[in-house]
Protein backbone atom coordinates (compact mmCIF):
# COMPACT_ATOMS: atom_id res chain seq x y z
CA MET A 1 -0.03 0.07 -0.08
CA GLU A 2 1.10 3.50 -1.22
CA GLU A 3 1.76 6.02 1.80
CA GLN A 4 -0.27 9.46 2.05
CA PRO A 5 0.79 12.97 1.24
CA LEU A 6 0.94 12.87 4.98
CA SER A 7 3.84 10.35 4.94
CA LEU A 8 5.96 13.79 3.88
CA PRO A 9 8.96 14.49 6.80
CA LEU A 10 8.24 17.79 8.31
CA ILE A 11 11.33 19.19 9.95
CA ARG A 12 9.57 21.34 13.51
CA VAL A 13 11.61 24.80 13.47
CA VAL A 14 11.18 25.70 17.34
CA ASP A 15 13.53 28.89 18.48
CA ASP A 16 12.40 31.63 20.02
CA ASP A 17 13.71 34.49 17.57
CA LYS A 18 11.56 34.98 14.26
CA SER A 19 14.65 35.70 12.23
CA VAL A 20 16.26 32.20 12.94
CA ARG A 21 12.44 30.75 12.99
CA VAL A 22 12.38 32.81 9.56
CA ALA A 23 15.97 31.56 7.20
CA LEU A 24 15.67 27.82 8.46
CA VAL A 25 12.98 27.24 7.38
CA ASP A 26 14.23 29.45 4.12
CA LEU A 27 16.90 27.21 3.73
CA PHE A 28 15.17 23.78 4.08
CA LYS A 29 12.34 24.82 2.27
CA SER A 30 15.44 26.39 -0.87
CA ILE A 31 16.70 22.37 -0.50
CA ASP A 32 13.22 20.54 -1.06
CA LEU A 33 12.40 20.01 1.91
CA ASP A 34 9.31 21.01 4.35
CA ALA A 35 9.84 22.77 6.94
CA ILE A 36 7.36 24.59 10.00
CA ALA A 37 8.43 27.36 12.71
CA TYR A 38 7.18 28.09 16.50
CA ASP A 39 8.05 30.50 18.81
CA SER A 40 8.09 27.90 21.48
CA PRO A 41 7.53 24.41 22.61
CA ARG A 42 4.36 24.85 24.09
CA ALA A 43 3.09 26.48 20.15
CA LEU A 44 4.22 23.50 18.72
CA LEU A 45 2.58 20.74 21.21
CA ASP A 46 -0.95 23.29 20.94
CA ALA A 47 -0.50 22.94 17.42
CA ASP A 48 1.71 20.21 15.51
CA ASP A 49 0.52 16.51 14.56
CA LEU A 50 3.92 14.52 16.52
CA ASN A 51 2.01 11.35 14.68
CA THR A 52 4.24 13.25 11.00
CA PRO A 53 6.75 11.78 10.65
CA GLY A 54 10.33 14.05 11.33
CA CYS A 55 12.46 15.61 12.91
CA ILE A 56 13.20 18.39 15.52
CA VAL A 57 14.89 21.38 15.51
CA LEU A 58 15.03 22.41 19.14
CA ASP A 59 16.55 25.67 20.67
CA VAL A 60 17.81 25.59 24.41
CA ARG A 61 16.89 28.91 26.07
CA PHE A 62 13.37 30.16 25.88
CA SER A 63 11.21 32.53 28.72
CA GLY A 64 10.06 30.02 31.33
CA ALA A 65 10.17 26.86 29.38
CA SER A 66 14.19 25.44 28.84
CA GLY A 67 13.98 23.24 25.49
CA LEU A 68 16.28 19.88 27.32
CA ASP A 69 13.08 20.25 29.72
CA PHE A 70 10.39 19.50 26.84
CA GLN A 71 12.78 17.00 25.00
CA SER A 72 13.00 15.36 28.38
CA ASP A 73 8.79 15.00 28.45
CA LEU A 74 8.60 14.17 25.03
CA GLN A 75 10.71 10.82 25.87
CA GLN A 76 9.01 10.48 28.90
CA ALA A 77 5.99 10.69 27.25
CA GLY A 78 7.46 7.74 24.93
CA ASN A 79 7.63 10.31 21.07
CA ARG A 80 11.11 9.16 19.51
CA MET A 81 10.98 12.24 17.11
CA PRO A 82 14.44 13.24 16.26
CA ILE A 83 15.44 15.85 17.70
CA ILE A 84 18.40 18.60 17.56
CA VAL A 85 19.64 20.65 19.60
CA VAL A 86 20.73 23.95 18.87
CA THR A 87 21.94 27.22 20.98
CA GLY A 88 23.75 30.08 21.57
CA HIS A 89 24.67 28.95 24.79
CA GLY A 90 25.88 25.42 25.13
CA ASP A 91 28.37 23.92 27.27
CA ILE A 92 30.22 20.47 28.32
CA PRO A 93 26.86 19.06 30.97
CA MET A 94 24.06 20.43 28.39
CA SER A 95 25.58 18.81 25.32
CA VAL A 96 25.46 15.35 27.31
CA ARG A 97 22.03 16.06 28.65
CA ALA A 98 20.60 16.63 25.10
CA MET A 99 22.05 13.82 24.04
CA LYS A 100 20.94 11.39 27.39
CA ALA A 101 17.81 12.41 26.18
CA GLY A 102 18.38 10.78 22.80
CA ALA A 103 19.55 13.58 20.84
CA VAL A 104 20.55 13.26 17.97
CA ASP A 105 22.36 15.75 17.27
CA PHE A 106 24.27 19.60 19.07
CA LEU A 107 24.94 22.35 17.27
CA THR A 108 26.03 25.39 19.71
CA LYS A 109 25.43 28.53 17.25
CA PRO A 110 26.55 30.28 14.53
CA PHE A 111 26.55 27.01 13.11
CA ARG A 112 27.84 26.00 9.01
CA GLU A 113 24.72 25.72 7.33
CA GLN A 114 26.14 22.13 5.81
CA ASP A 115 25.93 20.87 9.55
CA LEU A 116 22.47 21.79 9.83
CA ILE A 117 21.19 19.89 6.71
CA ASP A 118 23.42 17.40 6.98
CA ALA A 119 21.84 16.72 11.04
CA VAL A 120 18.28 16.59 9.73
CA THR A 121 18.67 14.43 6.75
CA GLY A 122 20.59 12.24 9.65
CA ALA A 123 17.73 12.65 11.20
CA ILE A 124 14.60 11.20 9.02
CA LYS A 125 16.66 9.02 8.31
CA ARG A 126 16.64 8.22 11.62
CA ASP A 127 12.52 8.58 12.09
CA GLU A 128 12.05 5.99 9.21
CA VAL A 129 14.36 3.73 10.20
CA ILE A 130 12.04 3.95 14.18
CA ARG A 131 8.36 4.06 12.21
CA ALA A 132 9.80 1.55 10.45
CA GLU A 133 10.39 -0.90 13.27
CA SER A 134 7.42 0.29 14.79
CA ARG A 135 5.14 -0.36 12.09
CA GLY A 136 6.86 -3.65 12.36
CA ARG A 137 6.61 -4.57 15.43
CA SER A 138 1.88 -3.84 15.74
CA ASP A 139 1.80 -6.13 12.85
CA ILE A 140 3.97 -8.54 15.18
CA GLU A 141 1.98 -8.27 18.23
CA LYS A 142 -1.49 -8.66 15.99
CA LEU A 143 -0.23 -12.00 14.59
CA TRP A 144 0.96 -12.64 19.03
CA GLU A 145 -2.66 -11.67 19.43
CA SER A 146 -4.40 -14.67 17.10
CA LEU A 147 -2.21 -16.91 19.74
CA THR A 148 -4.64 -19.38 22.04
CA PRO A 149 -3.34 -19.40 25.29
CA ARG A 150 -2.23 -22.70 25.03
CA GLU A 151 -0.41 -21.73 21.60
CA VAL A 152 0.79 -18.68 23.95
CA GLU A 153 2.49 -21.43 26.39
CA VAL A 154 4.40 -23.13 23.86
CA MET A 155 5.61 -20.36 22.15
CA ARG A 156 7.32 -18.97 24.97
CA ALA A 157 9.23 -22.22 25.54
CA VAL A 158 9.96 -22.64 22.46
CA VAL A 159 11.90 -19.64 22.71
CA ASN A 160 13.39 -20.51 26.16
CA GLY A 161 15.62 -22.96 24.06
CA LEU A 162 12.87 -26.30 25.73
CA MET A 163 12.66 -29.28 23.49
CA ASN A 164 9.49 -30.66 22.65
CA LYS A 165 9.67 -33.14 25.84
CA GLN A 166 10.96 -30.12 28.23
CA ILE A 167 7.38 -28.40 26.83
CA ALA A 168 5.69 -31.48 27.78
CA GLY A 169 6.14 -32.42 31.51
CA GLN A 170 6.52 -28.89 31.71
CA LEU A 171 2.17 -28.39 30.47
CA GLY A 172 1.18 -31.66 31.57
CA ILE A 173 0.55 -32.55 27.73
CA SER A 174 2.15 -34.71 25.27
CA MET A 175 4.23 -33.93 22.58
CA VAL A 176 1.89 -34.75 19.72
CA THR A 177 -0.11 -32.26 21.38
CA VAL A 178 3.17 -29.85 22.46
CA LYS A 179 4.14 -30.49 18.20
CA LEU A 180 0.15 -29.45 16.72
CA HIS A 181 1.17 -26.37 19.09
CA ARG A 182 4.39 -25.50 17.95
CA SER A 183 3.48 -25.82 14.01
CA ASN A 184 0.29 -23.35 14.85
CA VAL A 185 2.53 -20.83 15.98
CA MET A 186 5.43 -21.41 13.69
CA LYS A 187 2.52 -21.01 10.95
CA LYS A 188 0.42 -17.75 13.05
CA MET A 189 3.68 -16.12 13.73
CA ARG A 190 4.60 -16.42 10.09
CA VAL A 191 8.30 -18.04 10.94
CA ARG A 192 9.56 -21.00 10.10
CA SER A 193 12.09 -21.08 12.00
CA VAL A 194 13.16 -20.66 15.59
CA ALA A 195 15.35 -18.48 15.46
CA ASP A 196 13.58 -16.34 13.45
CA LEU A 197 10.76 -17.07 16.17
CA VAL A 198 13.01 -15.85 18.59
CA LYS A 199 13.48 -12.11 16.28
CA LYS A 200 9.91 -12.09 16.79
CA ALA A 201 9.48 -12.31 19.92
CA GLU A 202 12.10 -9.52 21.35
CA LEU A 203 10.48 -7.70 18.49
CA LEU A 204 7.54 -8.41 20.81
CA THR A 205 9.77 -6.88 24.48
CA GLN A 206 11.19 -4.14 22.82
CA LYS A 207 8.99 -0.92 23.78
């Protein structure tokens, strides 16, 4: 199925300096990247749909707010939108905090336009990977939900490395029944090997 236009990446510039916002939006549009600007993190949250692919170019200092606090809030809310932090007052502790909170880059003003373009390009690619992984996990979750309670038990046992005889003893069922459930699990989870089943099980445990 083809992606809808909504899937086109959007760069959100969040900076309280109007001249910076205008300059950066013009820069991104000059290389055919869609961009929109906000004067504060609150303005972004009030007007933007963060489900739209892309990234955020985020200043650090705002009146009565902190870009880094906003970054942390997004992370805690489970939003993995790639963020590039930019600031005219950067220091090592600030950059460390930003990177630990998931920033893909930390640029100190004034920075080279090419450095920002490279950072944004990398962030967009990272967002594409994140979203692809999320879609893959969602598909696997649907397969998992198709399993019966007993098939779930058998799958967990198989993933944990138990042999059919051990599974039969653990669950108090016959070897024939184990083989039947195991076959159903492989079909429903759409895998051909235990290794593939383990990989899908690992994806189910990831946030």
